[in-house]
Amino acid sequence: AFHIWQIEAGLTHGSAAISLLSPLG
């Protein structure tokens, strides 16, 4: 949800996942 908020706010592009293991995972 925070990642989506960053995309909506234009703070990140978020175009594609680099890996299935996110920093949180």
mmCIF file of all heavy atoms, coordinates in Angstrom:
data_MODEL
# 
_entry.id   MODEL 
# 
loop_
_atom_site.group_PDB 
_atom_site.id 
_atom_site.type_symbol 
_atom_site.label_atom_id 
_atom_site.label_alt_id 
_atom_site.label_comp_id 
_atom_site.label_asym_id 
_atom_site.label_entity_id 
_atom_site.label_seq_id 
_atom_site.pdbx_PDB_ins_code 
_atom_site.Cartn_x 
_atom_site.Cartn_y 
_atom_site.Cartn_z 
_atom_site.occupancy 
_atom_site.B_iso_or_equiv 
_atom_site.pdbx_formal_charge 
_atom_site.auth_seq_id 
_atom_site.auth_comp_id 
_atom_site.auth_asym_id 
_atom_site.auth_atom_id 
_atom_site.pdbx_PDB_model_num 
ATOM 1   N N   . ALA A 1 1  ? 0.835  -1.200  0.000   1.00 0.00 ? 1  ALA A N   1 
ATOM 2   C CA  . ALA A 1 1  ? 0.000  0.000   0.000   1.00 0.00 ? 1  ALA A CA  1 
ATOM 3   C C   . ALA A 1 1  ? 0.871  1.252   0.000   1.00 0.00 ? 1  ALA A C   1 
ATOM 4   O O   . ALA A 1 1  ? 0.582  2.234   -0.703  1.00 0.00 ? 1  ALA A O   1 
ATOM 5   C CB  . ALA A 1 1  ? -0.924 -0.001  1.217   1.00 0.00 ? 1  ALA A CB  1 
ATOM 6   N N   . PHE A 1 2  ? 1.949  1.202   0.760   1.00 0.00 ? 2  PHE A N   1 
ATOM 7   C CA  . PHE A 1 2  ? 2.894  2.318   0.767   1.00 0.00 ? 2  PHE A CA  1 
ATOM 8   C C   . PHE A 1 2  ? 3.571  2.453   -0.597  1.00 0.00 ? 2  PHE A C   1 
ATOM 9   O O   . PHE A 1 2  ? 3.797  3.569   -1.076  1.00 0.00 ? 2  PHE A O   1 
ATOM 10  C CB  . PHE A 1 2  ? 3.942  2.096   1.851   1.00 0.00 ? 2  PHE A CB  1 
ATOM 11  C CG  . PHE A 1 2  ? 5.002  3.170   1.918   1.00 0.00 ? 2  PHE A CG  1 
ATOM 12  C CD1 . PHE A 1 2  ? 4.707  4.438   2.415   1.00 0.00 ? 2  PHE A CD1 1 
ATOM 13  C CD2 . PHE A 1 2  ? 6.294  2.913   1.469   1.00 0.00 ? 2  PHE A CD2 1 
ATOM 14  C CE1 . PHE A 1 2  ? 5.677  5.428   2.466   1.00 0.00 ? 2  PHE A CE1 1 
ATOM 15  C CE2 . PHE A 1 2  ? 7.268  3.897   1.520   1.00 0.00 ? 2  PHE A CE2 1 
ATOM 16  C CZ  . PHE A 1 2  ? 6.962  5.156   2.016   1.00 0.00 ? 2  PHE A CZ  1 
ATOM 17  N N   . HIS A 1 3  ? 3.861  1.318   -1.236  1.00 0.00 ? 3  HIS A N   1 
ATOM 18  C CA  . HIS A 1 3  ? 4.469  1.338   -2.569  1.00 0.00 ? 3  HIS A CA  1 
ATOM 19  C C   . HIS A 1 3  ? 3.506  1.973   -3.580  1.00 0.00 ? 3  HIS A C   1 
ATOM 20  O O   . HIS A 1 3  ? 3.927  2.768   -4.430  1.00 0.00 ? 3  HIS A O   1 
ATOM 21  C CB  . HIS A 1 3  ? 4.819  -0.085  -2.990  1.00 0.00 ? 3  HIS A CB  1 
ATOM 22  C CG  . HIS A 1 3  ? 5.514  -0.174  -4.310  1.00 0.00 ? 3  HIS A CG  1 
ATOM 23  N ND1 . HIS A 1 3  ? 6.709  0.461   -4.586  1.00 0.00 ? 3  HIS A ND1 1 
ATOM 24  C CD2 . HIS A 1 3  ? 5.172  -0.816  -5.460  1.00 0.00 ? 3  HIS A CD2 1 
ATOM 25  C CE1 . HIS A 1 3  ? 7.075  0.211   -5.830  1.00 0.00 ? 3  HIS A CE1 1 
ATOM 26  N NE2 . HIS A 1 3  ? 6.153  -0.561  -6.384  1.00 0.00 ? 3  HIS A NE2 1 
ATOM 27  N N   . ILE A 1 4  ? 2.227  1.622   -3.484  1.00 0.00 ? 4  ILE A N   1 
ATOM 28  C CA  . ILE A 1 4  ? 1.223  2.213   -4.379  1.00 0.00 ? 4  ILE A CA  1 
ATOM 29  C C   . ILE A 1 4  ? 1.106  3.715   -4.139  1.00 0.00 ? 4  ILE A C   1 
ATOM 30  O O   . ILE A 1 4  ? 0.979  4.512   -5.079  1.00 0.00 ? 4  ILE A O   1 
ATOM 31  C CB  . ILE A 1 4  ? -0.144 1.518   -4.174  1.00 0.00 ? 4  ILE A CB  1 
ATOM 32  C CG1 . ILE A 1 4  ? -0.083 0.081   -4.702  1.00 0.00 ? 4  ILE A CG1 1 
ATOM 33  C CG2 . ILE A 1 4  ? -1.255 2.294   -4.877  1.00 0.00 ? 4  ILE A CG2 1 
ATOM 34  C CD1 . ILE A 1 4  ? -1.338 -0.721  -4.446  1.00 0.00 ? 4  ILE A CD1 1 
ATOM 35  N N   . TRP A 1 5  ? 1.155  4.123   -2.864  1.00 0.00 ? 5  TRP A N   1 
ATOM 36  C CA  . TRP A 1 5  ? 1.103  5.550   -2.544  1.00 0.00 ? 5  TRP A CA  1 
ATOM 37  C C   . TRP A 1 5  ? 2.287  6.287   -3.160  1.00 0.00 ? 5  TRP A C   1 
ATOM 38  O O   . TRP A 1 5  ? 2.144  7.399   -3.677  1.00 0.00 ? 5  TRP A O   1 
ATOM 39  C CB  . TRP A 1 5  ? 1.111  5.743   -1.034  1.00 0.00 ? 5  TRP A CB  1 
ATOM 40  C CG  . TRP A 1 5  ? 1.223  7.190   -0.635  1.00 0.00 ? 5  TRP A CG  1 
ATOM 41  C CD1 . TRP A 1 5  ? 0.229  8.122   -0.583  1.00 0.00 ? 5  TRP A CD1 1 
ATOM 42  C CD2 . TRP A 1 5  ? 2.433  7.880   -0.271  1.00 0.00 ? 5  TRP A CD2 1 
ATOM 43  N NE1 . TRP A 1 5  ? 0.730  9.345   -0.202  1.00 0.00 ? 5  TRP A NE1 1 
ATOM 44  C CE2 . TRP A 1 5  ? 2.081  9.226   0.002   1.00 0.00 ? 5  TRP A CE2 1 
ATOM 45  C CE3 . TRP A 1 5  ? 3.765  7.491   -0.128  1.00 0.00 ? 5  TRP A CE3 1 
ATOM 46  C CZ2 . TRP A 1 5  ? 3.019  10.166  0.400   1.00 0.00 ? 5  TRP A CZ2 1 
ATOM 47  C CZ3 . TRP A 1 5  ? 4.702  8.431   0.272   1.00 0.00 ? 5  TRP A CZ3 1 
ATOM 48  C CH2 . TRP A 1 5  ? 4.328  9.749   0.530   1.00 0.00 ? 5  TRP A CH2 1 
ATOM 49  N N   . GLN A 1 6  ? 3.461  5.669   -3.143  1.00 0.00 ? 6  GLN A N   1 
ATOM 50  C CA  . GLN A 1 6  ? 4.635  6.288   -3.761  1.00 0.00 ? 6  GLN A CA  1 
ATOM 51  C C   . GLN A 1 6  ? 4.440  6.453   -5.262  1.00 0.00 ? 6  GLN A C   1 
ATOM 52  O O   . GLN A 1 6  ? 4.847  7.463   -5.841  1.00 0.00 ? 6  GLN A O   1 
ATOM 53  C CB  . GLN A 1 6  ? 5.883  5.438   -3.484  1.00 0.00 ? 6  GLN A CB  1 
ATOM 54  C CG  . GLN A 1 6  ? 6.400  5.528   -2.057  1.00 0.00 ? 6  GLN A CG  1 
ATOM 55  C CD  . GLN A 1 6  ? 7.674  4.733   -1.881  1.00 0.00 ? 6  GLN A CD  1 
ATOM 56  O OE1 . GLN A 1 6  ? 7.758  3.569   -2.273  1.00 0.00 ? 6  GLN A OE1 1 
ATOM 57  N NE2 . GLN A 1 6  ? 8.678  5.339   -1.274  1.00 0.00 ? 6  GLN A NE2 1 
ATOM 58  N N   . ILE A 1 7  ? 3.827  5.455   -5.891  1.00 0.00 ? 7  ILE A N   1 
ATOM 59  C CA  . ILE A 1 7  ? 3.567  5.547   -7.337  1.00 0.00 ? 7  ILE A CA  1 
ATOM 60  C C   . ILE A 1 7  ? 2.573  6.663   -7.627  1.00 0.00 ? 7  ILE A C   1 
ATOM 61  O O   . ILE A 1 7  ? 2.762  7.482   -8.536  1.00 0.00 ? 7  ILE A O   1 
ATOM 62  C CB  . ILE A 1 7  ? 3.041  4.200   -7.872  1.00 0.00 ? 7  ILE A CB  1 
ATOM 63  C CG1 . ILE A 1 7  ? 4.102  3.105   -7.713  1.00 0.00 ? 7  ILE A CG1 1 
ATOM 64  C CG2 . ILE A 1 7  ? 2.649  4.336   -9.347  1.00 0.00 ? 7  ILE A CG2 1 
ATOM 65  C CD1 . ILE A 1 7  ? 3.609  1.721   -8.092  1.00 0.00 ? 7  ILE A CD1 1 
ATOM 66  N N   . GLU A 1 8  ? 1.502  6.723   -6.823  1.00 0.00 ? 8  GLU A N   1 
ATOM 67  C CA  . GLU A 1 8  ? 0.481  7.759   -7.009  1.00 0.00 ? 8  GLU A CA  1 
ATOM 68  C C   . GLU A 1 8  ? 1.062  9.156   -6.798  1.00 0.00 ? 8  GLU A C   1 
ATOM 69  O O   . GLU A 1 8  ? 0.680  10.114  -7.475  1.00 0.00 ? 8  GLU A O   1 
ATOM 70  C CB  . GLU A 1 8  ? -0.681 7.529   -6.038  1.00 0.00 ? 8  GLU A CB  1 
ATOM 71  C CG  . GLU A 1 8  ? -1.527 6.315   -6.345  1.00 0.00 ? 8  GLU A CG  1 
ATOM 72  C CD  . GLU A 1 8  ? -2.422 6.526   -7.552  1.00 0.00 ? 8  GLU A CD  1 
ATOM 73  O OE1 . GLU A 1 8  ? -2.544 7.671   -8.011  1.00 0.00 ? 8  GLU A OE1 1 
ATOM 74  O OE2 . GLU A 1 8  ? -2.984 5.527   -8.054  1.00 0.00 ? 8  GLU A OE2 1 
ATOM 75  N N   . ALA A 1 9  ? 1.985  9.272   -5.847  1.00 0.00 ? 9  ALA A N   1 
ATOM 76  C CA  . ALA A 1 9  ? 2.589  10.572  -5.542  1.00 0.00 ? 9  ALA A CA  1 
ATOM 77  C C   . ALA A 1 9  ? 3.716  10.914  -6.498  1.00 0.00 ? 9  ALA A C   1 
ATOM 78  O O   . ALA A 1 9  ? 4.298  11.999  -6.423  1.00 0.00 ? 9  ALA A O   1 
ATOM 79  C CB  . ALA A 1 9  ? 3.104  10.586  -4.103  1.00 0.00 ? 9  ALA A CB  1 
ATOM 80  N N   . GLY A 1 10 ? 4.039  9.992   -7.399  1.00 0.00 ? 10 GLY A N   1 
ATOM 81  C CA  . GLY A 1 10 ? 5.109  10.238  -8.352  1.00 0.00 ? 10 GLY A CA  1 
ATOM 82  C C   . GLY A 1 10 ? 6.497  10.149  -7.754  1.00 0.00 ? 10 GLY A C   1 
ATOM 83  O O   . GLY A 1 10 ? 7.466  10.632  -8.343  1.00 0.00 ? 10 GLY A O   1 
ATOM 84  N N   . LEU A 1 11 ? 6.606  9.505   -6.591  1.00 0.00 ? 11 LEU A N   1 
ATOM 85  C CA  . LEU A 1 11 ? 7.910  9.402   -5.937  1.00 0.00 ? 11 LEU A CA  1 
ATOM 86  C C   . LEU A 1 11 ? 8.731  8.240   -6.474  1.00 0.00 ? 11 LEU A C   1 
ATOM 87  O O   . LEU A 1 11 ? 9.943  8.193   -6.287  1.00 0.00 ? 11 LEU A O   1 
ATOM 88  C CB  . LEU A 1 11 ? 7.725  9.236   -4.418  1.00 0.00 ? 11 LEU A CB  1 
ATOM 89  C CG  . LEU A 1 11 ? 6.977  10.383  -3.717  1.00 0.00 ? 11 LEU A CG  1 
ATOM 90  C CD1 . LEU A 1 11 ? 6.785  10.069  -2.244  1.00 0.00 ? 11 LEU A CD1 1 
ATOM 91  C CD2 . LEU A 1 11 ? 7.746  11.689  -3.899  1.00 0.00 ? 11 LEU A CD2 1 
ATOM 92  N N   . THR A 1 12 ? 8.077  7.286   -7.106  1.00 0.00 ? 12 THR A N   1 
ATOM 93  C CA  . THR A 1 12 ? 8.790  6.154   -7.686  1.00 0.00 ? 12 THR A CA  1 
ATOM 94  C C   . THR A 1 12 ? 8.055  5.714   -8.939  1.00 0.00 ? 12 THR A C   1 
ATOM 95  O O   . THR A 1 12 ? 6.841  5.896   -9.063  1.00 0.00 ? 12 THR A O   1 
ATOM 96  C CB  . THR A 1 12 ? 8.887  4.980   -6.689  1.00 0.00 ? 12 THR A CB  1 
ATOM 97  O OG1 . THR A 1 12 ? 9.609  3.903   -7.298  1.00 0.00 ? 12 THR A OG1 1 
ATOM 98  C CG2 . THR A 1 12 ? 7.500  4.476   -6.311  1.00 0.00 ? 12 THR A CG2 1 
ATOM 99  N N   . HIS A 1 13 ? 8.814  5.123   -9.848  1.00 0.00 ? 13 HIS A N   1 
ATOM 100 C CA  . HIS A 1 13 ? 8.213  4.662   -11.101 1.00 0.00 ? 13 HIS A CA  1 
ATOM 101 C C   . HIS A 1 13 ? 7.573  3.300   -10.914 1.00 0.00 ? 13 HIS A C   1 
ATOM 102 O O   . HIS A 1 13 ? 6.458  3.051   -11.355 1.00 0.00 ? 13 HIS A O   1 
ATOM 103 C CB  . HIS A 1 13 ? 9.272  4.607   -12.206 1.00 0.00 ? 13 HIS A CB  1 
ATOM 104 C CG  . HIS A 1 13 ? 8.697  4.283   -13.551 1.00 0.00 ? 13 HIS A CG  1 
ATOM 105 N ND1 . HIS A 1 13 ? 8.945  3.090   -14.188 1.00 0.00 ? 13 HIS A ND1 1 
ATOM 106 C CD2 . HIS A 1 13 ? 7.864  4.978   -14.369 1.00 0.00 ? 13 HIS A CD2 1 
ATOM 107 C CE1 . HIS A 1 13 ? 8.304  3.070   -15.352 1.00 0.00 ? 13 HIS A CE1 1 
ATOM 108 N NE2 . HIS A 1 13 ? 7.645  4.200   -15.488 1.00 0.00 ? 13 HIS A NE2 1 
ATOM 109 N N   . GLY A 1 14 ? 8.300  2.405   -10.214 1.00 0.00 ? 14 GLY A N   1 
ATOM 110 C CA  . GLY A 1 14 ? 7.752  1.098   -9.869  1.00 0.00 ? 14 GLY A CA  1 
ATOM 111 C C   . GLY A 1 14 ? 7.345  0.261   -11.057 1.00 0.00 ? 14 GLY A C   1 
ATOM 112 O O   . GLY A 1 14 ? 6.372  -0.474  -10.997 1.00 0.00 ? 14 GLY A O   1 
ATOM 113 N N   . SER A 1 15 ? 8.080  0.357   -12.157 1.00 0.00 ? 15 SER A N   1 
ATOM 114 C CA  . SER A 1 15 ? 7.640  -0.273  -13.393 1.00 0.00 ? 15 SER A CA  1 
ATOM 115 C C   . SER A 1 15 ? 7.689  -1.787  -13.358 1.00 0.00 ? 15 SER A C   1 
ATOM 116 O O   . SER A 1 15 ? 6.790  -2.447  -13.844 1.00 0.00 ? 15 SER A O   1 
ATOM 117 C CB  . SER A 1 15 ? 8.504  0.217   -14.554 1.00 0.00 ? 15 SER A CB  1 
ATOM 118 O OG  . SER A 1 15 ? 9.867  -0.062  -14.305 1.00 0.00 ? 15 SER A OG  1 
ATOM 119 N N   . ALA A 1 16 ? 8.718  -2.344  -12.782 1.00 0.00 ? 16 ALA A N   1 
ATOM 120 C CA  . ALA A 1 16 ? 8.852  -3.796  -12.832 1.00 0.00 ? 16 ALA A CA  1 
ATOM 121 C C   . ALA A 1 16 ? 9.589  -4.290  -11.601 1.00 0.00 ? 16 ALA A C   1 
ATOM 122 O O   . ALA A 1 16 ? 10.454 -3.626  -11.073 1.00 0.00 ? 16 ALA A O   1 
ATOM 123 C CB  . ALA A 1 16 ? 9.610  -4.223  -14.095 1.00 0.00 ? 16 ALA A CB  1 
ATOM 124 N N   . ALA A 1 17 ? 9.217  -5.471  -11.170 1.00 0.00 ? 17 ALA A N   1 
ATOM 125 C CA  . ALA A 1 17 ? 9.882  -6.057  -10.009 1.00 0.00 ? 17 ALA A CA  1 
ATOM 126 C C   . ALA A 1 17 ? 11.224 -6.630  -10.419 1.00 0.00 ? 17 ALA A C   1 
ATOM 127 O O   . ALA A 1 17 ? 11.335 -7.315  -11.434 1.00 0.00 ? 17 ALA A O   1 
ATOM 128 C CB  . ALA A 1 17 ? 9.009  -7.154  -9.408  1.00 0.00 ? 17 ALA A CB  1 
ATOM 129 N N   . ILE A 1 18 ? 12.252 -6.337  -9.663  1.00 0.00 ? 18 ILE A N   1 
ATOM 130 C CA  . ILE A 1 18 ? 13.581 -6.882  -9.948  1.00 0.00 ? 18 ILE A CA  1 
ATOM 131 C C   . ILE A 1 18 ? 13.655 -8.325  -9.497  1.00 0.00 ? 18 ILE A C   1 
ATOM 132 O O   . ILE A 1 18 ? 14.266 -9.166  -10.117 1.00 0.00 ? 18 ILE A O   1 
ATOM 133 C CB  . ILE A 1 18 ? 14.664 -6.049  -9.247  1.00 0.00 ? 18 ILE A CB  1 
ATOM 134 C CG1 . ILE A 1 18 ? 14.640 -4.615  -9.781  1.00 0.00 ? 18 ILE A CG1 1 
ATOM 135 C CG2 . ILE A 1 18 ? 16.043 -6.654  -9.458  1.00 0.00 ? 18 ILE A CG2 1 
ATOM 136 C CD1 . ILE A 1 18 ? 15.597 -3.689  -9.069  1.00 0.00 ? 18 ILE A CD1 1 
ATOM 137 N N   . SER A 1 19 ? 13.001 -8.634  -8.383  1.00 0.00 ? 19 SER A N   1 
ATOM 138 C CA  . SER A 1 19 ? 13.037 -9.985  -7.848  1.00 0.00 ? 19 SER A CA  1 
ATOM 139 C C   . SER A 1 19 ? 11.778 -10.239 -7.049  1.00 0.00 ? 19 SER A C   1 
ATOM 140 O O   . SER A 1 19 ? 11.106 -9.318  -6.580  1.00 0.00 ? 19 SER A O   1 
ATOM 141 C CB  . SER A 1 19 ? 14.266 -10.178 -6.961  1.00 0.00 ? 19 SER A CB  1 
ATOM 142 O OG  . SER A 1 19 ? 14.197 -11.407 -6.255  1.00 0.00 ? 19 SER A OG  1 
ATOM 143 N N   . LEU A 1 20 ? 11.452 -11.510 -6.877  1.00 0.00 ? 20 LEU A N   1 
ATOM 144 C CA  . LEU A 1 20 ? 10.297 -11.862 -6.069  1.00 0.00 ? 20 LEU A CA  1 
ATOM 145 C C   . LEU A 1 20 ? 10.565 -11.680 -4.584  1.00 0.00 ? 20 LEU A C   1 
ATOM 146 O O   . LEU A 1 20 ? 9.635  -11.652 -3.787  1.00 0.00 ? 20 LEU A O   1 
ATOM 147 C CB  . LEU A 1 20 ? 9.893  -13.317 -6.351  1.00 0.00 ? 20 LEU A CB  1 
ATOM 148 C CG  . LEU A 1 20 ? 9.103  -13.527 -7.643  1.00 0.00 ? 20 LEU A CG  1 
ATOM 149 C CD1 . LEU A 1 20 ? 8.866  -15.008 -7.875  1.00 0.00 ? 20 LEU A CD1 1 
ATOM 150 C CD2 . LEU A 1 20 ? 7.791  -12.799 -7.608  1.00 0.00 ? 20 LEU A CD2 1 
ATOM 151 N N   . LEU A 1 21 ? 11.822 -11.583 -4.214  1.00 0.00 ? 21 LEU A N   1 
ATOM 152 C CA  . LEU A 1 21 ? 12.159 -11.335 -2.815  1.00 0.00 ? 21 LEU A CA  1 
ATOM 153 C C   . LEU A 1 21 ? 12.320 -9.835  -2.607  1.00 0.00 ? 21 LEU A C   1 
ATOM 154 O O   . LEU A 1 21 ? 13.385 -9.275  -2.821  1.00 0.00 ? 21 LEU A O   1 
ATOM 155 C CB  . LEU A 1 21 ? 13.436 -12.084 -2.420  1.00 0.00 ? 21 LEU A CB  1 
ATOM 156 C CG  . LEU A 1 21 ? 13.260 -13.562 -2.082  1.00 0.00 ? 21 LEU A CG  1 
ATOM 157 C CD1 . LEU A 1 21 ? 14.587 -14.156 -1.591  1.00 0.00 ? 21 LEU A CD1 1 
ATOM 158 C CD2 . LEU A 1 21 ? 12.194 -13.775 -1.031  1.00 0.00 ? 21 LEU A CD2 1 
ATOM 159 N N   . SER A 1 22 ? 11.244 -9.185  -2.200  1.00 0.00 ? 22 SER A N   1 
ATOM 160 C CA  . SER A 1 22 ? 11.305 -7.759  -1.892  1.00 0.00 ? 22 SER A CA  1 
ATOM 161 C C   . SER A 1 22 ? 12.144 -7.565  -0.636  1.00 0.00 ? 22 SER A C   1 
ATOM 162 O O   . SER A 1 22 ? 12.408 -8.523  0.092   1.00 0.00 ? 22 SER A O   1 
ATOM 163 C CB  . SER A 1 22 ? 9.890  -7.223  -1.659  1.00 0.00 ? 22 SER A CB  1 
ATOM 164 O OG  . SER A 1 22 ? 9.294  -7.870  -0.545  1.00 0.00 ? 22 SER A OG  1 
ATOM 165 N N   . PRO A 1 23 ? 12.589 -6.338  -0.361  1.00 0.00 ? 23 PRO A N   1 
ATOM 166 C CA  . PRO A 1 23 ? 13.354 -6.104  0.883   1.00 0.00 ? 23 PRO A CA  1 
ATOM 167 C C   . PRO A 1 23 ? 12.611 -6.581  2.122   1.00 0.00 ? 23 PRO A C   1 
ATOM 168 O O   . PRO A 1 23 ? 13.222 -7.140  3.034   1.00 0.00 ? 23 PRO A O   1 
ATOM 169 C CB  . PRO A 1 23 ? 13.528 -4.581  0.883   1.00 0.00 ? 23 PRO A CB  1 
ATOM 170 C CG  . PRO A 1 23 ? 13.505 -4.203  -0.569  1.00 0.00 ? 23 PRO A CG  1 
ATOM 171 C CD  . PRO A 1 23 ? 12.528 -5.138  -1.205  1.00 0.00 ? 23 PRO A CD  1 
ATOM 172 N N   . LEU A 1 24 ? 11.294 -6.398  2.148   1.00 0.00 ? 24 LEU A N   1 
ATOM 173 C CA  . LEU A 1 24 ? 10.512 -6.864  3.290   1.00 0.00 ? 24 LEU A CA  1 
ATOM 174 C C   . LEU A 1 24 ? 10.517 -8.386  3.361   1.00 0.00 ? 24 LEU A C   1 
ATOM 175 O O   . LEU A 1 24 ? 10.682 -8.968  4.442   1.00 0.00 ? 24 LEU A O   1 
ATOM 176 C CB  . LEU A 1 24 ? 9.076  -6.351  3.191   1.00 0.00 ? 24 LEU A CB  1 
ATOM 177 C CG  . LEU A 1 24 ? 8.126  -6.835  4.287   1.00 0.00 ? 24 LEU A CG  1 
ATOM 178 C CD1 . LEU A 1 24 ? 8.601  -6.368  5.651   1.00 0.00 ? 24 LEU A CD1 1 
ATOM 179 C CD2 . LEU A 1 24 ? 6.704  -6.368  4.011   1.00 0.00 ? 24 LEU A CD2 1 
ATOM 180 N N   . GLY A 1 25 ? 10.322 -9.043  2.222   1.00 0.00 ? 25 GLY A N   1 
ATOM 181 C CA  . GLY A 1 25 ? 10.335 -10.502 2.195   1.00 0.00 ? 25 GLY A CA  1 
ATOM 182 C C   . GLY A 1 25 ? 11.678 -11.061 2.608   1.00 0.00 ? 25 GLY A C   1 
ATOM 183 O O   . GLY A 1 25 ? 11.765 -12.055 3.357   1.00 0.00 ? 25 GLY A O   1 
# 
